[in-house]
N, C-alpha and C. Protein backbone atom coordinates (compact mmCIF):
# COMPACT_ATOMS: atom_id res chain seq x y z
N MET A 1 147.13 -44.37 116.60
CA MET A 1 148.10 -45.41 116.87
C MET A 1 148.48 -46.08 115.56
N ASN A 2 149.76 -46.21 115.32
CA ASN A 2 150.24 -46.94 114.14
C ASN A 2 149.91 -48.42 114.34
N SER A 3 149.67 -49.13 113.23
CA SER A 3 149.35 -50.55 113.36
C SER A 3 150.34 -51.38 112.56
N SER A 4 150.43 -52.65 112.96
CA SER A 4 151.35 -53.56 112.30
C SER A 4 150.70 -54.90 112.07
N SER A 5 150.86 -55.41 110.85
CA SER A 5 150.40 -56.76 110.55
C SER A 5 151.59 -57.68 110.30
N SER A 6 152.73 -57.35 110.91
CA SER A 6 153.93 -58.18 110.79
C SER A 6 153.90 -59.31 111.78
N ASN A 7 154.58 -60.41 111.44
CA ASN A 7 154.71 -61.55 112.36
C ASN A 7 155.83 -61.34 113.36
N ILE A 8 156.65 -60.31 113.15
CA ILE A 8 157.71 -59.97 114.09
C ILE A 8 157.53 -58.50 114.46
N ILE A 9 157.49 -58.25 115.75
CA ILE A 9 157.52 -56.88 116.25
C ILE A 9 158.74 -56.83 117.17
N TYR A 10 159.53 -55.77 117.03
CA TYR A 10 160.77 -55.72 117.79
C TYR A 10 161.05 -54.32 118.30
N PHE A 11 161.87 -54.29 119.34
CA PHE A 11 162.39 -53.02 119.83
C PHE A 11 163.90 -53.06 119.69
N SER A 12 164.45 -51.96 119.23
CA SER A 12 165.90 -51.80 119.16
C SER A 12 166.22 -50.38 119.59
N SER A 13 167.18 -50.25 120.47
CA SER A 13 167.62 -48.93 120.91
C SER A 13 168.43 -48.27 119.79
N VAL A 14 168.93 -47.09 120.06
CA VAL A 14 169.71 -46.38 119.06
C VAL A 14 170.99 -47.12 118.69
N SER A 15 171.45 -48.05 119.54
CA SER A 15 172.65 -48.84 119.20
C SER A 15 172.40 -49.66 117.94
N GLY A 16 171.14 -50.05 117.72
CA GLY A 16 170.77 -50.76 116.50
C GLY A 16 171.11 -52.23 116.45
N ASN A 17 171.61 -52.82 117.53
CA ASN A 17 171.99 -54.24 117.48
C ASN A 17 170.80 -55.13 117.14
N THR A 18 169.70 -54.95 117.84
CA THR A 18 168.52 -55.79 117.58
C THR A 18 167.97 -55.52 116.18
N HIS A 19 168.01 -54.26 115.77
CA HIS A 19 167.55 -53.89 114.42
C HIS A 19 168.36 -54.63 113.35
N ARG A 20 169.68 -54.65 113.51
CA ARG A 20 170.53 -55.34 112.54
C ARG A 20 170.21 -56.84 112.50
N PHE A 21 169.98 -57.42 113.68
CA PHE A 21 169.65 -58.84 113.76
C PHE A 21 168.35 -59.12 113.00
N VAL A 22 167.32 -58.35 113.30
CA VAL A 22 166.01 -58.56 112.67
C VAL A 22 166.11 -58.37 111.15
N ASN A 23 166.87 -57.37 110.71
CA ASN A 23 167.05 -57.17 109.26
C ASN A 23 167.66 -58.39 108.59
N LYS A 24 168.60 -59.05 109.27
CA LYS A 24 169.25 -60.24 108.71
C LYS A 24 168.28 -61.40 108.55
N LEU A 25 167.19 -61.40 109.34
CA LEU A 25 166.19 -62.47 109.22
C LEU A 25 165.45 -62.39 107.89
N ASN A 26 165.41 -61.20 107.30
CA ASN A 26 164.76 -60.99 106.02
C ASN A 26 163.29 -61.44 106.04
N LEU A 27 162.61 -61.09 107.16
CA LEU A 27 161.19 -61.39 107.33
C LEU A 27 160.45 -60.09 107.59
N SER A 28 159.16 -60.08 107.36
CA SER A 28 158.34 -58.90 107.62
C SER A 28 158.41 -58.57 109.11
N ALA A 29 158.79 -57.33 109.42
CA ALA A 29 158.95 -56.93 110.82
C ALA A 29 158.56 -55.47 111.00
N ALA A 30 158.08 -55.15 112.20
CA ALA A 30 157.74 -53.77 112.54
C ALA A 30 158.52 -53.40 113.80
N ARG A 31 159.08 -52.20 113.79
CA ARG A 31 159.89 -51.73 114.91
C ARG A 31 159.08 -50.81 115.82
N LEU A 32 159.19 -51.06 117.12
CA LEU A 32 158.58 -50.17 118.10
C LEU A 32 159.35 -48.85 118.10
N PRO A 33 158.67 -47.73 118.35
CA PRO A 33 159.36 -46.44 118.37
C PRO A 33 160.48 -46.41 119.41
N VAL A 34 161.55 -45.70 119.08
CA VAL A 34 162.69 -45.59 119.98
C VAL A 34 162.35 -44.75 121.21
N LEU A 35 161.53 -43.72 121.03
CA LEU A 35 161.17 -42.82 122.12
C LEU A 35 159.82 -43.20 122.71
N THR A 36 159.74 -43.26 124.04
CA THR A 36 158.47 -43.63 124.68
C THR A 36 157.39 -42.59 124.46
N LYS A 37 157.77 -41.35 124.17
CA LYS A 37 156.74 -40.31 123.97
C LYS A 37 156.05 -40.47 122.61
N GLU A 38 156.66 -41.25 121.70
CA GLU A 38 156.03 -41.51 120.40
C GLU A 38 154.88 -42.50 120.58
N GLU A 39 153.95 -42.45 119.65
CA GLU A 39 152.81 -43.37 119.66
C GLU A 39 153.32 -44.80 119.45
N THR A 40 152.81 -45.73 120.22
CA THR A 40 153.24 -47.13 120.08
C THR A 40 152.47 -47.81 118.95
N LEU A 41 152.91 -49.00 118.60
CA LEU A 41 152.23 -49.77 117.56
C LEU A 41 151.01 -50.50 118.13
N LEU A 42 150.11 -50.87 117.24
CA LEU A 42 148.99 -51.73 117.58
C LEU A 42 149.13 -52.97 116.71
N ALA A 43 149.31 -54.12 117.34
CA ALA A 43 149.44 -55.38 116.60
C ALA A 43 148.08 -55.78 116.05
N LEU A 44 148.07 -56.24 114.79
CA LEU A 44 146.83 -56.64 114.13
C LEU A 44 146.73 -58.14 113.93
N GLN A 45 147.82 -58.86 114.19
CA GLN A 45 147.81 -60.31 114.04
C GLN A 45 148.83 -60.89 115.01
N PRO A 46 148.79 -62.21 115.24
CA PRO A 46 149.77 -62.82 116.13
C PRO A 46 151.20 -62.52 115.69
N TYR A 47 152.07 -62.34 116.68
CA TYR A 47 153.46 -61.96 116.40
C TYR A 47 154.40 -62.55 117.44
N VAL A 48 155.67 -62.55 117.08
CA VAL A 48 156.76 -62.87 118.00
C VAL A 48 157.47 -61.56 118.31
N LEU A 49 157.72 -61.32 119.58
CA LEU A 49 158.41 -60.10 120.01
C LEU A 49 159.90 -60.37 120.14
N VAL A 50 160.71 -59.49 119.54
CA VAL A 50 162.17 -59.57 119.66
C VAL A 50 162.60 -58.33 120.43
N LEU A 51 163.36 -58.54 121.51
CA LEU A 51 163.75 -57.40 122.34
C LEU A 51 165.11 -57.59 122.98
N PRO A 52 165.80 -56.47 123.24
CA PRO A 52 167.06 -56.53 123.97
C PRO A 52 166.80 -56.49 125.47
N THR A 53 167.81 -56.82 126.24
CA THR A 53 167.75 -56.73 127.70
C THR A 53 168.58 -55.53 128.15
N TYR A 54 168.00 -54.74 129.03
CA TYR A 54 168.69 -53.58 129.61
C TYR A 54 169.04 -53.88 131.06
N GLY A 55 169.84 -53.02 131.66
CA GLY A 55 170.01 -53.05 133.09
C GLY A 55 171.27 -53.64 133.65
N GLY A 56 172.08 -54.29 132.84
CA GLY A 56 173.34 -54.79 133.36
C GLY A 56 173.19 -55.85 134.43
N ASP A 57 174.11 -55.84 135.40
CA ASP A 57 174.19 -56.90 136.42
C ASP A 57 172.98 -56.99 137.33
N SER A 58 172.35 -55.87 137.65
CA SER A 58 171.28 -55.88 138.65
C SER A 58 169.99 -56.48 138.10
N GLY A 59 169.75 -56.36 136.81
CA GLY A 59 168.51 -56.82 136.23
C GLY A 59 167.39 -55.80 136.37
N HIS A 60 167.60 -54.75 137.15
CA HIS A 60 166.58 -53.72 137.32
C HIS A 60 166.40 -52.98 135.99
N GLY A 61 165.17 -52.83 135.54
CA GLY A 61 164.91 -52.14 134.28
C GLY A 61 165.26 -52.98 133.06
N ALA A 62 165.25 -54.31 133.20
CA ALA A 62 165.67 -55.20 132.12
C ALA A 62 164.80 -55.06 130.87
N VAL A 63 163.50 -54.88 131.06
CA VAL A 63 162.58 -54.75 129.92
C VAL A 63 162.50 -53.28 129.52
N PRO A 64 162.85 -52.95 128.27
CA PRO A 64 162.80 -51.55 127.84
C PRO A 64 161.41 -50.94 128.05
N LYS A 65 161.39 -49.68 128.47
CA LYS A 65 160.12 -48.98 128.73
C LYS A 65 159.20 -48.97 127.49
N GLN A 66 159.79 -48.91 126.30
CA GLN A 66 159.01 -48.90 125.07
C GLN A 66 158.25 -50.21 124.90
N VAL A 67 158.86 -51.31 125.34
CA VAL A 67 158.21 -52.63 125.26
C VAL A 67 157.09 -52.71 126.29
N ILE A 68 157.34 -52.18 127.48
CA ILE A 68 156.30 -52.17 128.51
C ILE A 68 155.09 -51.37 128.02
N LYS A 69 155.34 -50.19 127.44
CA LYS A 69 154.25 -49.37 126.91
C LYS A 69 153.45 -50.14 125.86
N PHE A 70 154.15 -50.82 124.94
CA PHE A 70 153.51 -51.61 123.90
C PHE A 70 152.66 -52.73 124.49
N LEU A 71 153.21 -53.45 125.46
CA LEU A 71 152.50 -54.58 126.05
C LEU A 71 151.40 -54.16 127.03
N ASN A 72 151.39 -52.91 127.43
CA ASN A 72 150.31 -52.42 128.28
C ASN A 72 149.01 -52.25 127.50
N VAL A 73 149.09 -52.33 126.16
CA VAL A 73 147.89 -52.30 125.31
C VAL A 73 147.37 -53.73 125.25
N GLU A 74 146.15 -53.95 125.74
CA GLU A 74 145.60 -55.29 125.86
C GLU A 74 145.63 -56.06 124.53
N GLN A 75 145.29 -55.40 123.43
CA GLN A 75 145.29 -56.10 122.13
C GLN A 75 146.70 -56.61 121.80
N ASN A 76 147.71 -55.82 122.11
CA ASN A 76 149.09 -56.25 121.83
C ASN A 76 149.46 -57.47 122.68
N ARG A 77 149.08 -57.44 123.95
CA ARG A 77 149.36 -58.58 124.84
C ARG A 77 148.63 -59.83 124.36
N SER A 78 147.41 -59.67 123.87
CA SER A 78 146.61 -60.83 123.48
C SER A 78 147.14 -61.52 122.23
N LEU A 79 147.92 -60.81 121.43
CA LEU A 79 148.41 -61.37 120.16
C LEU A 79 149.85 -61.88 120.21
N ILE A 80 150.55 -61.68 121.31
CA ILE A 80 151.94 -62.16 121.40
C ILE A 80 151.92 -63.69 121.47
N ARG A 81 152.80 -64.33 120.72
CA ARG A 81 152.84 -65.79 120.70
C ARG A 81 154.18 -66.36 121.14
N GLY A 82 155.21 -65.51 121.19
CA GLY A 82 156.54 -65.97 121.60
C GLY A 82 157.48 -64.80 121.71
N VAL A 83 158.66 -65.07 122.29
CA VAL A 83 159.66 -64.04 122.54
C VAL A 83 161.03 -64.54 122.09
N VAL A 84 161.80 -63.64 121.47
CA VAL A 84 163.20 -63.87 121.16
C VAL A 84 163.95 -62.74 121.85
N ALA A 85 164.97 -63.10 122.66
CA ALA A 85 165.65 -62.10 123.48
C ALA A 85 167.11 -61.96 123.12
N ALA A 86 167.55 -60.70 123.14
CA ALA A 86 168.98 -60.38 122.97
C ALA A 86 169.54 -60.00 124.33
N GLY A 87 170.81 -60.23 124.49
CA GLY A 87 171.46 -59.87 125.75
C GLY A 87 172.96 -59.80 125.58
N ASN A 88 173.64 -59.66 126.70
CA ASN A 88 175.10 -59.57 126.71
C ASN A 88 175.59 -60.53 127.79
N THR A 89 176.38 -61.53 127.39
CA THR A 89 176.84 -62.53 128.35
C THR A 89 177.72 -61.92 129.45
N ASN A 90 178.23 -60.70 129.23
CA ASN A 90 179.02 -60.04 130.28
C ASN A 90 178.18 -59.78 131.53
N PHE A 91 176.84 -59.81 131.40
CA PHE A 91 175.99 -59.52 132.54
C PHE A 91 175.53 -60.80 133.26
N GLY A 92 176.18 -61.93 132.95
CA GLY A 92 175.99 -63.16 133.70
C GLY A 92 174.55 -63.59 133.88
N GLU A 93 174.09 -63.60 135.12
CA GLU A 93 172.77 -64.08 135.49
C GLU A 93 171.64 -63.35 134.77
N THR A 94 171.87 -62.10 134.39
CA THR A 94 170.79 -61.32 133.77
C THR A 94 170.82 -61.39 132.24
N TYR A 95 171.65 -62.29 131.69
CA TYR A 95 171.70 -62.47 130.23
C TYR A 95 170.32 -62.78 129.70
N CYS A 96 169.80 -61.95 128.81
CA CYS A 96 168.49 -62.11 128.16
C CYS A 96 167.33 -62.12 129.15
N LEU A 97 167.52 -61.50 130.30
CA LEU A 97 166.49 -61.48 131.35
C LEU A 97 165.17 -60.88 130.86
N ALA A 98 165.21 -59.88 130.01
CA ALA A 98 163.98 -59.26 129.51
C ALA A 98 163.10 -60.30 128.82
N GLY A 99 163.69 -61.21 128.08
CA GLY A 99 162.93 -62.27 127.42
C GLY A 99 162.25 -63.18 128.42
N ASP A 100 162.96 -63.55 129.49
CA ASP A 100 162.38 -64.38 130.54
C ASP A 100 161.19 -63.68 131.19
N ILE A 101 161.34 -62.39 131.47
CA ILE A 101 160.30 -61.62 132.15
C ILE A 101 159.04 -61.53 131.27
N VAL A 102 159.23 -61.13 130.01
CA VAL A 102 158.07 -60.96 129.12
C VAL A 102 157.40 -62.30 128.85
N ALA A 103 158.18 -63.34 128.59
CA ALA A 103 157.60 -64.66 128.33
C ALA A 103 156.78 -65.13 129.53
N SER A 104 157.30 -64.94 130.72
CA SER A 104 156.59 -65.35 131.93
C SER A 104 155.31 -64.54 132.14
N LYS A 105 155.41 -63.23 132.04
CA LYS A 105 154.24 -62.38 132.28
C LYS A 105 153.15 -62.60 131.22
N CYS A 106 153.55 -62.84 129.98
CA CYS A 106 152.57 -63.01 128.90
C CYS A 106 152.20 -64.47 128.68
N GLN A 107 152.85 -65.37 129.41
CA GLN A 107 152.59 -66.81 129.33
C GLN A 107 152.75 -67.35 127.91
N VAL A 108 153.89 -66.99 127.31
CA VAL A 108 154.27 -67.49 125.99
C VAL A 108 155.69 -68.04 126.07
N PRO A 109 156.12 -68.84 125.11
CA PRO A 109 157.47 -69.41 125.18
C PRO A 109 158.57 -68.41 124.83
N LEU A 110 159.70 -68.55 125.51
CA LEU A 110 160.93 -67.87 125.12
C LEU A 110 161.56 -68.78 124.07
N LEU A 111 161.55 -68.33 122.82
CA LEU A 111 161.93 -69.19 121.70
C LEU A 111 163.44 -69.26 121.47
N TYR A 112 164.15 -68.17 121.76
CA TYR A 112 165.58 -68.15 121.44
C TYR A 112 166.25 -66.99 122.17
N ARG A 113 167.54 -67.15 122.44
CA ARG A 113 168.38 -66.09 123.01
C ARG A 113 169.59 -65.89 122.11
N PHE A 114 170.01 -64.66 121.96
CA PHE A 114 171.24 -64.39 121.20
C PHE A 114 171.98 -63.22 121.84
N GLU A 115 173.28 -63.17 121.58
CA GLU A 115 174.10 -62.11 122.14
C GLU A 115 174.25 -60.96 121.17
N LEU A 116 174.04 -59.74 121.71
CA LEU A 116 174.22 -58.48 121.00
C LEU A 116 173.48 -58.45 119.67
N MET A 117 174.19 -58.56 118.53
CA MET A 117 173.48 -58.54 117.25
C MET A 117 173.40 -59.91 116.61
N GLY A 118 173.81 -60.94 117.35
CA GLY A 118 173.69 -62.31 116.89
C GLY A 118 174.75 -62.70 115.86
N THR A 119 174.97 -63.99 115.74
CA THR A 119 175.89 -64.53 114.75
C THR A 119 175.10 -65.01 113.54
N ALA A 120 175.79 -65.39 112.49
CA ALA A 120 175.12 -65.95 111.32
C ALA A 120 174.35 -67.21 111.71
N GLU A 121 174.91 -67.99 112.62
CA GLU A 121 174.22 -69.21 113.09
C GLU A 121 172.94 -68.84 113.84
N ASP A 122 172.99 -67.78 114.67
CA ASP A 122 171.79 -67.33 115.37
C ASP A 122 170.70 -66.94 114.37
N VAL A 123 171.09 -66.19 113.35
CA VAL A 123 170.13 -65.75 112.33
C VAL A 123 169.49 -66.96 111.66
N ASP A 124 170.29 -67.94 111.26
CA ASP A 124 169.77 -69.15 110.61
C ASP A 124 168.82 -69.90 111.54
N ARG A 125 169.24 -70.08 112.80
CA ARG A 125 168.41 -70.83 113.75
C ARG A 125 167.09 -70.14 114.02
N VAL A 126 167.12 -68.82 114.19
CA VAL A 126 165.87 -68.08 114.47
C VAL A 126 164.98 -68.11 113.24
N HIS A 127 165.56 -67.90 112.06
CA HIS A 127 164.77 -67.92 110.83
C HIS A 127 164.06 -69.27 110.68
N GLN A 128 164.82 -70.35 110.78
CA GLN A 128 164.23 -71.69 110.66
C GLN A 128 163.24 -71.96 111.79
N GLY A 129 163.61 -71.57 113.00
CA GLY A 129 162.75 -71.79 114.15
C GLY A 129 161.42 -71.07 114.03
N LEU A 130 161.46 -69.83 113.51
CA LEU A 130 160.22 -69.07 113.33
C LEU A 130 159.32 -69.71 112.27
N GLU A 131 159.94 -70.21 111.19
CA GLU A 131 159.14 -70.89 110.16
C GLU A 131 158.42 -72.10 110.77
N GLN A 132 159.15 -72.89 111.55
CA GLN A 132 158.55 -74.07 112.18
C GLN A 132 157.49 -73.65 113.20
N PHE A 133 157.77 -72.60 113.97
CA PHE A 133 156.86 -72.12 114.99
C PHE A 133 155.54 -71.69 114.37
N TRP A 134 155.60 -70.89 113.29
CA TRP A 134 154.36 -70.40 112.67
C TRP A 134 153.61 -71.54 111.99
N THR A 135 154.32 -72.52 111.45
CA THR A 135 153.65 -73.70 110.86
C THR A 135 152.87 -74.44 111.94
N ARG A 136 153.49 -74.63 113.12
CA ARG A 136 152.79 -75.30 114.23
C ARG A 136 151.61 -74.47 114.70
N GLN A 137 151.76 -73.15 114.76
CA GLN A 137 150.67 -72.28 115.19
C GLN A 137 149.47 -72.43 114.26
N LEU A 138 149.74 -72.48 112.95
CA LEU A 138 148.66 -72.63 111.97
C LEU A 138 147.97 -73.96 112.12
N GLN A 139 148.75 -75.00 112.41
CA GLN A 139 148.17 -76.35 112.57
C GLN A 139 147.29 -76.44 113.81
N MET A 140 147.57 -75.62 114.81
CA MET A 140 146.80 -75.65 116.06
C MET A 140 145.48 -74.89 115.95
N GLN A 141 145.33 -74.08 114.91
CA GLN A 141 144.11 -73.27 114.78
C GLN A 141 142.93 -74.10 114.31
């Protein structure tokens, strides 16, 4: 199993929208494999998960299978500290639904939502928000 000591772990499909967003953050990040048959990552330290939402209007299949596989590893679930979700406002009620689902199941906060590959303002807000989030996490230890 590949391992990651990044504070951001993310999944991006072949469209690359989430990948482009994470790259703009200019922070240490590890990408989950695109194919579920590939070996998943093993988180080595607390991290924030960044993920897109799948499934369109119905919400069925909102959480990518690669993310489910990753979170099915107990160590990975135990180290998640927050979620940042991408979505498409065209899907109305299911906008960023994957973030809501993962945050609820893992009992961590949904820190931010952005559309598709995010705007410059989204990048700035997430970057600043993550800095503040990790500072608070360190103070709580």
